[in-house]
């Protein structure tokens, strides 16, 4: 058996007052949305003016330079300490071998 869905019919005549009641909030909502969009566009333009676009190549160059500087600084601070520790351990190991041979 086929099921038949009930259709709700709208009144053919809608009073002008009902239309006006619906129209006012819709118009107000459209005006608010337009204002919001205009504000967003202005904000985007301000951001573009304050922060000029930088190419990816330039960004990569800057990041590479900064990373290189940081790595060099860390290496200058850490490597001498590690090297000193390794050298001391090797000297101690050599001393022990020499002492054990005697």
PDB file of N, CA and C in Angstrom:
ATOM      1  N   UNK A   1       0.825  -1.181   0.000  1.00  0.00           N
ATOM      2  CA  UNK A   1       0.000   0.000   0.000  1.00  0.00           C
ATOM      3  C   UNK A   1       0.870   1.245   0.000  1.00  0.00           C
ATOM      4  N   UNK A   2       0.430   2.202  -0.740  1.00  0.00           N
ATOM      5  CA  UNK A   2       1.151   3.466  -0.797  1.00  0.00           C
ATOM      6  C   UNK A   2       0.648   4.396   0.290  1.00  0.00           C
ATOM      7  N   UNK A   3       1.622   5.024   0.960  1.00  0.00           N
ATOM      8  CA  UNK A   3       1.227   5.980   1.978  1.00  0.00           C
ATOM      9  C   UNK A   3       1.161   7.359   1.353  1.00  0.00           C
ATOM     10  N   UNK A   4       0.150   8.073   1.730  1.00  0.00           N
ATOM     11  CA  UNK A   4      -0.023   9.422   1.191  1.00  0.00           C
ATOM     12  C   UNK A   4       0.251  10.411   2.312  1.00  0.00           C
ATOM     13  N   UNK A   5       1.209  11.290   2.057  1.00  0.00           N
ATOM     14  CA  UNK A   5       1.564  12.295   3.057  1.00  0.00           C
ATOM     15  C   UNK A   5       0.525  13.407   3.033  1.00  0.00           C
ATOM     16  N   UNK A   6       0.193  13.859   4.224  1.00  0.00           N
ATOM     17  CA  UNK A   6      -0.764  14.959   4.298  1.00  0.00           C
ATOM     18  C   UNK A   6      -0.059  16.254   3.939  1.00  0.00           C
ATOM     19  N   UNK A   7      -0.706  17.070   3.175  1.00  0.00           N
ATOM     20  CA  UNK A   7      -0.155  18.358   2.797  1.00  0.00           C
ATOM     21  C   UNK A   7      -0.897  19.432   3.565  1.00  0.00           C
ATOM     22  N   UNK A   8      -0.119  20.293   4.206  1.00  0.00           N
ATOM     23  CA  UNK A   8      -0.732  21.415   4.896  1.00  0.00           C
ATOM     24  C   UNK A   8      -0.797  22.574   3.922  1.00  0.00           C
ATOM     25  N   UNK A   9      -1.965  23.123   3.768  1.00  0.00           N
ATOM     26  CA  UNK A   9      -2.125  24.217   2.837  1.00  0.00           C
ATOM     27  C   UNK A   9      -2.061  25.539   3.581  1.00  0.00           C
ATOM     28  N   UNK A  10      -1.375  26.489   2.975  1.00  0.00           N
ATOM     29  CA  UNK A  10      -1.298  27.835   3.520  1.00  0.00           C
ATOM     30  C   UNK A  10      -2.521  28.608   3.054  1.00  0.00           C
ATOM     31  N   UNK A  11      -2.974  29.511   3.886  1.00  0.00           N
ATOM     32  CA  UNK A  11      -4.111  30.315   3.417  1.00  0.00           C
ATOM     33  C   UNK A  11      -3.697  31.095   2.173  1.00  0.00           C
ATOM     34  N   UNK A  12      -4.600  31.168   1.235  1.00  0.00           N
ATOM     35  CA  UNK A  12      -4.281  31.818  -0.025  1.00  0.00           C
ATOM     36  C   UNK A  12      -4.072  33.311   0.142  1.00  0.00           C
ATOM     37  N   UNK A  13      -4.787  33.889   1.050  1.00  0.00           N
ATOM     38  CA  UNK A  13      -4.668  35.313   1.251  1.00  0.00           C
ATOM     39  C   UNK A  13      -3.981  35.573   2.585  1.00  0.00           C
ATOM     40  N   UNK A  14      -2.880  36.284   2.516  1.00  0.00           N
ATOM     41  CA  UNK A  14      -2.169  36.658   3.725  1.00  0.00           C
ATOM     42  C   UNK A  14      -2.379  38.151   3.904  1.00  0.00           C
ATOM     43  N   UNK A  15      -2.770  38.511   5.087  1.00  0.00           N
ATOM     44  CA  UNK A  15      -3.081  39.914   5.318  1.00  0.00           C
ATOM     45  C   UNK A  15      -1.805  40.756   5.269  1.00  0.00           C
ATOM     46  N   UNK A  16      -1.962  41.990   4.837  1.00  0.00           N
ATOM     47  CA  UNK A  16      -0.826  42.890   4.705  1.00  0.00           C
ATOM     48  C   UNK A  16      -0.165  43.142   6.048  1.00  0.00           C
ATOM     49  N   UNK A  17      -0.921  43.154   7.119  1.00  0.00           N
ATOM     50  CA  UNK A  17      -0.358  43.361   8.455  1.00  0.00           C
ATOM     51  C   UNK A  17       0.599  42.232   8.818  1.00  0.00           C
ATOM     52  N   UNK A  18       0.229  41.007   8.488  1.00  0.00           N
ATOM     53  CA  UNK A  18       1.091  39.858   8.768  1.00  0.00           C
ATOM     54  C   UNK A  18       2.399  39.965   7.984  1.00  0.00           C
ATOM     55  N   UNK A  19       2.294  40.417   6.750  1.00  0.00           N
ATOM     56  CA  UNK A  19       3.487  40.591   5.927  1.00  0.00           C
ATOM     57  C   UNK A  19       4.382  41.668   6.537  1.00  0.00           C
ATOM     58  N   UNK A  20       3.777  42.770   6.961  1.00  0.00           N
ATOM     59  CA  UNK A  20       4.536  43.868   7.558  1.00  0.00           C
ATOM     60  C   UNK A  20       5.228  43.402   8.839  1.00  0.00           C
ATOM     61  N   UNK A  21       4.531  42.590   9.645  1.00  0.00           N
ATOM     62  CA  UNK A  21       5.116  42.076  10.884  1.00  0.00           C
ATOM     63  C   UNK A  21       6.351  41.221  10.605  1.00  0.00           C
ATOM     64  N   UNK A  22       6.307  40.466   9.544  1.00  0.00           N
ATOM     65  CA  UNK A  22       7.445  39.618   9.182  1.00  0.00           C
ATOM     66  C   UNK A  22       8.534  40.422   8.486  1.00  0.00           C
ATOM     67  N   UNK A  23       8.127  41.408   7.721  1.00  0.00           N
ATOM     68  CA  UNK A  23       9.056  42.176   6.910  1.00  0.00           C
ATOM     69  C   UNK A  23      10.007  43.020   7.758  1.00  0.00           C
ATOM     70  N   UNK A  24       9.516  43.667   8.791  1.00  0.00           N
ATOM     71  CA  UNK A  24      10.333  44.575   9.598  1.00  0.00           C
ATOM     72  C   UNK A  24      11.523  43.850  10.235  1.00  0.00           C
ATOM     73  N   UNK A  25      11.311  42.725  10.947  1.00  0.00           N
ATOM     74  CA  UNK A  25      12.480  42.050  11.531  1.00  0.00           C
ATOM     75  C   UNK A  25      13.466  41.562  10.470  1.00  0.00           C
ATOM     76  N   UNK A  26      12.965  41.122   9.345  1.00  0.00           N
ATOM     77  CA  UNK A  26      13.857  40.643   8.286  1.00  0.00           C
ATOM     78  C   UNK A  26      14.696  41.778   7.733  1.00  0.00           C
ATOM     79  N   UNK A  27      14.093  42.925   7.514  1.00  0.00           N
ATOM     80  CA  UNK A  27      14.825  44.078   6.994  1.00  0.00           C
ATOM     81  C   UNK A  27      15.878  44.506   8.010  1.00  0.00           C
ATOM     82  N   UNK A  28      15.505  44.536   9.292  1.00  0.00           N
ATOM     83  CA  UNK A  28      16.457  44.911  10.333  1.00  0.00           C
ATOM     84  C   UNK A  28      17.639  43.934  10.368  1.00  0.00           C
ATOM     85  N   UNK A  29      17.344  42.666  10.227  1.00  0.00           N
ATOM     86  CA  UNK A  29      18.403  41.650  10.245  1.00  0.00           C
ATOM     87  C   UNK A  29      19.343  41.831   9.050  1.00  0.00           C
ATOM     88  N   UNK A  30      18.789  42.130   7.898  1.00  0.00           N
ATOM     89  CA  UNK A  30      19.609  42.358   6.704  1.00  0.00           C
ATOM     90  C   UNK A  30      20.505  43.575   6.902  1.00  0.00           C
ATOM     91  N   UNK A  31      19.966  44.633   7.484  1.00  0.00           N
ATOM     92  CA  UNK A  31      20.753  45.848   7.723  1.00  0.00           C
ATOM     93  C   UNK A  31      21.899  45.551   8.680  1.00  0.00           C
ATOM     94  N   UNK A  32      21.619  44.811   9.747  1.00  0.00           N
ATOM     95  CA  UNK A  32      22.661  44.460  10.715  1.00  0.00           C
ATOM     96  C   UNK A  32      23.750  43.629  10.047  1.00  0.00           C
ATOM     97  N   UNK A  33      23.372  42.647   9.250  1.00  0.00           N
ATOM     98  CA  UNK A  33      24.353  41.800   8.563  1.00  0.00           C
ATOM     99  C   UNK A  33      25.212  42.622   7.612  1.00  0.00           C
ATOM    100  N   UNK A  34      24.580  43.567   6.903  1.00  0.00           N
ATOM    101  CA  UNK A  34      25.347  44.411   5.987  1.00  0.00           C
ATOM    102  C   UNK A  34      26.377  45.233   6.751  1.00  0.00           C
ATOM    103  N   UNK A  35      25.960  45.775   7.905  1.00  0.00           N
ATOM    104  CA  UNK A  35      26.886  46.567   8.714  1.00  0.00           C
ATOM    105  C   UNK A  35      28.046  45.713   9.211  1.00  0.00           C
ATOM    106  N   UNK A  36      27.735  44.483   9.646  1.00  0.00           N
ATOM    107  CA  UNK A  36      28.787  43.583  10.118  1.00  0.00           C
ATOM    108  C   UNK A  36      29.778  43.272   9.003  1.00  0.00           C
ATOM    109  N   UNK A  37      29.266  42.993   7.816  1.00  0.00           N
ATOM    110  CA  UNK A  37      30.150  42.704   6.679  1.00  0.00           C
ATOM    111  C   UNK A  37      30.998  43.911   6.331  1.00  0.00           C
ATOM    112  N   UNK A  38      30.415  45.101   6.381  1.00  0.00           N
ATOM    113  CA  UNK A  38      31.176  46.319   6.079  1.00  0.00           C
ATOM    114  C   UNK A  38      32.295  46.496   7.097  1.00  0.00           C
ATOM    115  N   UNK A  39      32.013  46.233   8.381  1.00  0.00           N
ATOM    116  CA  UNK A  39      33.036  46.349   9.421  1.00  0.00           C
ATOM    117  C   UNK A  39      34.161  45.349   9.181  1.00  0.00           C
ATOM    118  N   UNK A  40      33.812  44.109   8.810  1.00  0.00           N
ATOM    119  CA  UNK A  40      34.826  43.089   8.544  1.00  0.00           C
ATOM    120  C   UNK A  40      35.720  43.506   7.379  1.00  0.00           C
ATOM    121  N   UNK A  41      35.120  44.074   6.337  1.00  0.00           N
ATOM    122  CA  UNK A  41      35.905  44.503   5.185  1.00  0.00           C
ATOM    123  C   UNK A  41      36.872  45.614   5.577  1.00  0.00           C
ATOM    124  N   UNK A  42      36.407  46.555   6.405  1.00  0.00           N
ATOM    125  CA  UNK A  42      37.270  47.644   6.857  1.00  0.00           C
ATOM    126  C   UNK A  42      38.417  47.084   7.681  1.00  0.00           C
ATOM    127  N   UNK A  43      38.113  46.134   8.572  1.00  0.00           N
ATOM    128  CA  UNK A  43      39.155  45.518   9.396  1.00  0.00           C
ATOM    129  C   UNK A  43      40.195  44.824   8.531  1.00  0.00           C
ATOM    130  N   UNK A  44      39.750  44.106   7.501  1.00  0.00           N
ATOM    131  CA  UNK A  44      40.681  43.421   6.607  1.00  0.00           C
ATOM    132  C   UNK A  44      41.589  44.428   5.908  1.00  0.00           C
ATOM    133  N   UNK A  45      41.016  45.558   5.470  1.00  0.00           N
ATOM    134  CA  UNK A  45      41.825  46.573   4.793  1.00  0.00           C
ATOM    135  C   UNK A  45      42.857  47.161   5.743  1.00  0.00           C
ATOM    136  N   UNK A  46      42.464  47.397   6.992  1.00  0.00           N
ATOM    137  CA  UNK A  46      43.388  47.946   7.985  1.00  0.00           C
ATOM    138  C   UNK A  46      44.534  46.978   8.222  1.00  0.00           C
ATOM    139  N   UNK A  47      44.219  45.691   8.348  1.00  0.00           N
ATOM    140  CA  UNK A  47      45.250  44.674   8.559  1.00  0.00           C
ATOM    141  C   UNK A  47      46.207  44.644   7.369  1.00  0.00           C
ATOM    142  N   UNK A  48      45.661  44.709   6.166  1.00  0.00           N
ATOM    143  CA  UNK A  48      46.516  44.687   4.977  1.00  0.00           C
ATOM    144  C   UNK A  48      47.439  45.893   4.944  1.00  0.00           C
ATOM    145  N   UNK A  49      46.937  47.054   5.386  1.00  0.00           N
ATOM    146  CA  UNK A  49      47.769  48.257   5.396  1.00  0.00           C
ATOM    147  C   UNK A  49      48.853  48.177   6.472  1.00  0.00           C
ATOM    148  N   UNK A  50      48.477  47.647   7.651  1.00  0.00           N
ATOM    149  CA  UNK A  50      49.432  47.568   8.755  1.00  0.00           C
ATOM    150  C   UNK A  50      50.480  46.486   8.534  1.00  0.00           C
ATOM    151  N   UNK A  51      50.091  45.403   7.915  1.00  0.00           N
ATOM    152  CA  UNK A  51      50.995  44.279   7.697  1.00  0.00           C
ATOM    153  C   UNK A  51      51.086  43.992   6.206  1.00  0.00           C
ATOM    154  N   UNK A  52      52.036  44.604   5.545  1.00  0.00           N
ATOM    155  CA  UNK A  52      52.149  44.346   4.110  1.00  0.00           C
ATOM    156  C   UNK A  52      52.461  42.868   3.866  1.00  0.00           C
ATOM    157  N   UNK A  53      52.032  42.396   2.747  1.00  0.00           N
ATOM    158  CA  UNK A  53      52.239  40.975   2.466  1.00  0.00           C
ATOM    159  C   UNK A  53      53.726  40.675   2.287  1.00  0.00           C
ATOM    160  N   UNK A  54      54.111  39.525   2.797  1.00  0.00           N
ATOM    161  CA  UNK A  54      55.495  39.088   2.695  1.00  0.00           C
ATOM    162  C   UNK A  54      55.486  37.777   1.923  1.00  0.00           C
ATOM    163  N   UNK A  55      56.369  37.667   0.977  1.00  0.00           N
ATOM    164  CA  UNK A  55      56.410  36.453   0.169  1.00  0.00           C
ATOM    165  C   UNK A  55      56.896  35.274   1.015  1.00  0.00           C
ATOM    166  N   UNK A  56      56.506  34.091   0.610  1.00  0.00           N
ATOM    167  CA  UNK A  56      56.936  32.881   1.324  1.00  0.00           C
ATOM    168  C   UNK A  56      58.455  32.747   1.297  1.00  0.00           C
ATOM    169  N   UNK A  57      59.058  33.159   0.207  1.00  0.00           N
ATOM    170  CA  UNK A  57      60.514  33.085   0.077  1.00  0.00           C
ATOM    171  C   UNK A  57      61.194  33.966   1.131  1.00  0.00           C
ATOM    172  N   UNK A  58      60.646  35.163   1.330  1.00  0.00           N
ATOM    173  CA  UNK A  58      61.215  36.085   2.316  1.00  0.00           C
ATOM    174  C   UNK A  58      61.019  35.529   3.726  1.00  0.00           C
ATOM    175  N   UNK A  59      59.849  34.973   3.987  1.00  0.00           N
ATOM    176  CA  UNK A  59      59.577  34.373   5.298  1.00  0.00           C
ATOM    177  C   UNK A  59      60.553  33.229   5.556  1.00  0.00           C
ATOM    178  N   UNK A  60      60.744  32.386   4.550  1.00  0.00           N
ATOM    179  CA  UNK A  60      61.668  31.255   4.693  1.00  0.00           C
ATOM    180  C   UNK A  60      63.092  31.743   4.961  1.00  0.00           C
ATOM    181  N   UNK A  61      63.511  32.787   4.281  1.00  0.00           N
ATOM    182  CA  UNK A  61      64.853  33.347   4.492  1.00  0.00           C
ATOM    183  C   UNK A  61      65.011  33.856   5.917  1.00  0.00           C
ATOM    184  N   UNK A  62      64.003  34.561   6.402  1.00  0.00           N
ATOM    185  CA  UNK A  62      64.048  35.101   7.762  1.00  0.00           C
ATOM    186  C   UNK A  62      64.092  33.971   8.780  1.00  0.00           C
ATOM    187  N   UNK A  63      63.210  32.971   8.610  1.00  0.00           N
ATOM    188  CA  UNK A  63      63.180  31.844   9.545  1.00  0.00           C
ATOM    189  C   UNK A  63      64.488  31.066   9.534  1.00  0.00           C
ATOM    190  N   UNK A  64      65.072  30.886   8.360  1.00  0.00           N
ATOM    191  CA  UNK A  64      66.340  30.179   8.260  1.00  0.00           C
ATOM    192  C   UNK A  64      67.436  30.927   9.012  1.00  0.00           C
ATOM    193  N   UNK A  65      67.465  32.222   8.867  1.00  0.00           N
ATOM    194  CA  UNK A  65      68.477  33.044   9.552  1.00  0.00           C
ATOM    195  C   UNK A  65      68.294  32.965  11.058  1.00  0.00           C
ATOM    196  N   UNK A  66      67.064  33.111  11.532  1.00  0.00           N
ATOM    197  CA  UNK A  66      66.796  33.067  12.973  1.00  0.00           C
ATOM    198  C   UNK A  66      67.147  31.690  13.529  1.00  0.00           C
ATOM    199  N   UNK A  67      66.728  30.632  12.836  1.00  0.00           N
ATOM    200  CA  UNK A  67      67.016  29.270  13.294  1.00  0.00           C
ATOM    201  C   UNK A  67      68.528  29.040  13.346  1.00  0.00           C
ATOM    202  N   UNK A  68      69.222  29.507  12.333  1.00  0.00           N
ATOM    203  CA  UNK A  68      70.680  29.353  12.290  1.00  0.00           C
ATOM    204  C   UNK A  68      71.334  30.056  13.473  1.00  0.00           C
ATOM    205  N   UNK A  69      70.891  31.265  13.760  1.00  0.00           N
ATOM    206  CA  UNK A  69      71.455  32.021  14.890  1.00  0.00           C
ATOM    207  C   UNK A  69      71.200  31.306  16.220  1.00  0.00           C
ATOM    208  N   UNK A  70      69.987  30.788  16.393  1.00  0.00           N
ATOM    209  CA  UNK A  70      69.642  30.100  17.645  1.00  0.00           C
ATOM    210  C   UNK A  70      70.469  28.830  17.795  1.00  0.00           C
ATOM    211  N   UNK A  71      70.586  28.059  16.718  1.00  0.00           N
ATOM    212  CA  UNK A  71      71.369  26.814  16.763  1.00  0.00           C
ATOM    213  C   UNK A  71      72.826  27.109  17.098  1.00  0.00           C
ATOM    214  N   UNK A  72      73.365  28.141  16.475  1.00  0.00           N
ATOM    215  CA  UNK A  72      74.767  28.502  16.751  1.00  0.00           C
ATOM    216  C   UNK A  72      74.952  28.902  18.210  1.00  0.00           C
ATOM    217  N   UNK A  73      74.024  29.678  18.746  1.00  0.00           N
ATOM    218  CA  UNK A  73      74.121  30.117  20.135  1.00  0.00           C
ATOM    219  C   UNK A  73      74.069  28.923  21.090  1.00  0.00           C
ATOM    220  N   UNK A  74      73.140  28.019  20.839  1.00  0.00           N
ATOM    221  CA  UNK A  74      73.022  26.831  21.693  1.00  0.00           C
ATOM    222  C   UNK A  74      74.288  25.983  21.588  1.00  0.00           C
ATOM    223  N   UNK A  75      74.773  25.804  20.374  1.00  0.00           N
ATOM    224  CA  UNK A  75      75.993  25.013  20.181  1.00  0.00           C
ATOM    225  C   UNK A  75      77.172  25.622  20.927  1.00  0.00           C
ATOM    226  N   UNK A  76      77.319  26.929  20.878  1.00  0.00           N
ATOM    227  CA  UNK A  76      78.433  27.589  21.580  1.00  0.00           C
ATOM    228  C   UNK A  76      78.342  27.417  23.100  1.00  0.00           C
ATOM    229  N   UNK A  77      77.121  27.302  23.599  1.00  0.00           N
ATOM    230  CA  UNK A  77      76.955  27.143  25.039  1.00  0.00           C
ATOM    231  C   UNK A  77      77.086  25.686  25.482  1.00  0.00           C
ATOM    232  N   UNK A  78      76.598  24.760  24.687  1.00  0.00           N
ATOM    233  CA  UNK A  78      76.515  23.359  25.101  1.00  0.00           C
ATOM    234  C   UNK A  78      77.757  22.551  24.736  1.00  0.00           C
ATOM    235  N   UNK A  79      78.262  22.698  23.536  1.00  0.00           N
ATOM    236  CA  UNK A  79      79.363  21.856  23.057  1.00  0.00           C
ATOM    237  C   UNK A  79      80.604  21.938  23.938  1.00  0.00           C
ATOM    238  N   UNK A  80      81.048  23.120  24.352  1.00  0.00           N
ATOM    239  CA  UNK A  80      82.249  23.140  25.205  1.00  0.00           C
ATOM    240  C   UNK A  80      82.063  22.350  26.504  1.00  0.00           C
ATOM    241  N   UNK A  81      80.891  22.452  27.125  1.00  0.00           N
ATOM    242  CA  UNK A  81      80.639  21.703  28.368  1.00  0.00           C
ATOM    243  C   UNK A  81      80.670  20.200  28.124  1.00  0.00           C
ATOM    244  N   UNK A  82      80.013  19.770  27.060  1.00  0.00           N
ATOM    245  CA  UNK A  82      79.974  18.341  26.734  1.00  0.00           C
ATOM    246  C   UNK A  82      81.376  17.846  26.386  1.00  0.00           C
ATOM    247  N   UNK A  83      82.092  18.629  25.586  1.00  0.00           N
ATOM    248  CA  UNK A  83      83.455  18.235  25.205  1.00  0.00           C
ATOM    249  C   UNK A  83      84.344  18.117  26.438  1.00  0.00           C
ATOM    250  N   UNK A  84      84.224  19.068  27.350  1.00  0.00           N
ATOM    251  CA  UNK A  84      85.019  19.029  28.575  1.00  0.00           C
ATOM    252  C   UNK A  84      84.705  17.770  29.388  1.00  0.00           C
ATOM    253  N   UNK A  85      83.440  17.437  29.490  1.00  0.00           N
ATOM    254  CA  UNK A  85      83.038  16.246  30.250  1.00  0.00           C
ATOM    255  C   UNK A  85      83.607  14.975  29.612  1.00  0.00           C
ATOM    256  N   UNK A  86      83.504  14.878  28.286  1.00  0.00           N
ATOM    257  CA  UNK A  86      84.005  13.692  27.580  1.00  0.00           C
ATOM    258  C   UNK A  86      85.520  13.570  27.747  1.00  0.00           C
ATOM    259  N   UNK A  87      86.215  14.681  27.625  1.00  0.00           N
ATOM    260  CA  UNK A  87      87.678  14.668  27.769  1.00  0.00           C
ATOM    261  C   UNK A  87      88.082  14.211  29.173  1.00  0.00           C
ATOM    262  N   UNK A  88      87.395  14.739  30.187  1.00  0.00           N
ATOM    263  CA  UNK A  88      87.695  14.334  31.563  1.00  0.00           C
ATOM    264  C   UNK A  88      87.455  12.843  31.772  1.00  0.00           C
ATOM    265  N   UNK A  89      86.361  12.338  31.209  1.00  0.00           N
ATOM    266  CA  UNK A  89      86.062  10.909  31.343  1.00  0.00           C
ATOM    267  C   UNK A  89      87.140  10.061  30.669  1.00  0.00           C
ATOM    268  N   UNK A  90      87.599  10.490  29.501  1.00  0.00           N
ATOM    269  CA  UNK A  90      88.652   9.762  28.792  1.00  0.00           C
ATOM    270  C   UNK A  90      89.976   9.803  29.568  1.00  0.00           C
ATOM    271  N   UNK A  91      90.301  10.950  30.140  1.00  0.00           N
ATOM    272  CA  UNK A  91      91.527  11.068  30.947  1.00  0.00           C
ATOM    273  C   UNK A  91      91.451  10.125  32.145  1.00  0.00           C
ATOM    274  N   UNK A  92      90.269  10.126  32.809  1.00  0.00           N
ATOM    275  CA  UNK A  92      90.096   9.227  33.957  1.00  0.00           C
ATOM    276  C   UNK A  92      90.237   7.764  33.535  1.00  0.00           C
ATOM    277  N   UNK A  93      89.666   7.412  32.386  1.00  0.00           N
ATOM    278  CA  UNK A  93      89.757   6.032  31.900  1.00  0.00           C
ATOM    279  C   UNK A  93      91.211   5.663  31.602  1.00  0.00           C
ATOM    280  N   UNK A  94      91.948   6.565  30.973  1.00  0.00           N
ATOM    281  CA  UNK A  94      93.361   6.320  30.685  1.00  0.00           C
ATOM    282  C   UNK A  94      94.178   6.157  31.975  1.00  0.00           C
ATOM    283  N   UNK A  95      93.888   7.010  32.965  1.00  0.00           N
ATOM    284  CA  UNK A  95      94.594   6.909  34.252  1.00  0.00           C
ATOM    285  C   UNK A  95      94.352   5.546  34.883  1.00  0.00           C
ATOM    286  N   UNK A  96      93.080   5.079  34.830  1.00  0.00           N
ATOM    287  CA  UNK A  96      92.762   3.777  35.426  1.00  0.00           C
ATOM    288  C   UNK A  96      93.502   2.656  34.714  1.00  0.00           C
ATOM    289  N   UNK A  97      93.580   2.750  33.374  1.00  0.00           N
ATOM    290  CA  UNK A  97      94.292   1.705  32.623  1.00  0.00           C
ATOM    291  C   UNK A  97      95.781   1.703  32.956  1.00  0.00           C
ATOM    292  N   UNK A  98      96.331   2.871  33.052  1.00  0.00           N
ATOM    293  CA  UNK A  98      97.752   2.973  33.367  1.00  0.00           C
ATOM    294  C   UNK A  98      98.012   2.418  34.776  1.00  0.00           C
ATOM    295  N   UNK A  99      97.165   2.765  35.712  1.00  0.00           N
ATOM    296  CA  UNK A  99      97.332   2.319  37.115  1.00  0.00           C
ATOM    297  C   UNK A  99      97.166   0.793  37.205  1.00  0.00           C
ATOM    298  N   UNK A 100      96.253   0.252  36.416  1.00  0.00           N
ATOM    299  CA  UNK A 100      96.010  -1.190  36.482  1.00  0.00           C
ATOM    300  C   UNK A 100      97.141  -1.983  35.812  1.00  0.00           C
ATOM    301  N   UNK A 101      97.877  -1.368  34.886  1.00  0.00           N
ATOM    302  CA  UNK A 101      98.995  -2.047  34.231  1.00  0.00           C
ATOM    303  C   UNK A 101     100.210  -2.140  35.162  1.00  0.00           C
ATOM    304  N   UNK A 102     100.319  -1.223  36.083  1.00  0.00           N
ATOM    305  CA  UNK A 102     101.485  -1.218  36.971  1.00  0.00           C
ATOM    306  C   UNK A 102     101.395  -2.250  38.012  1.00  0.00           C
TER     307      UNK A 102
END
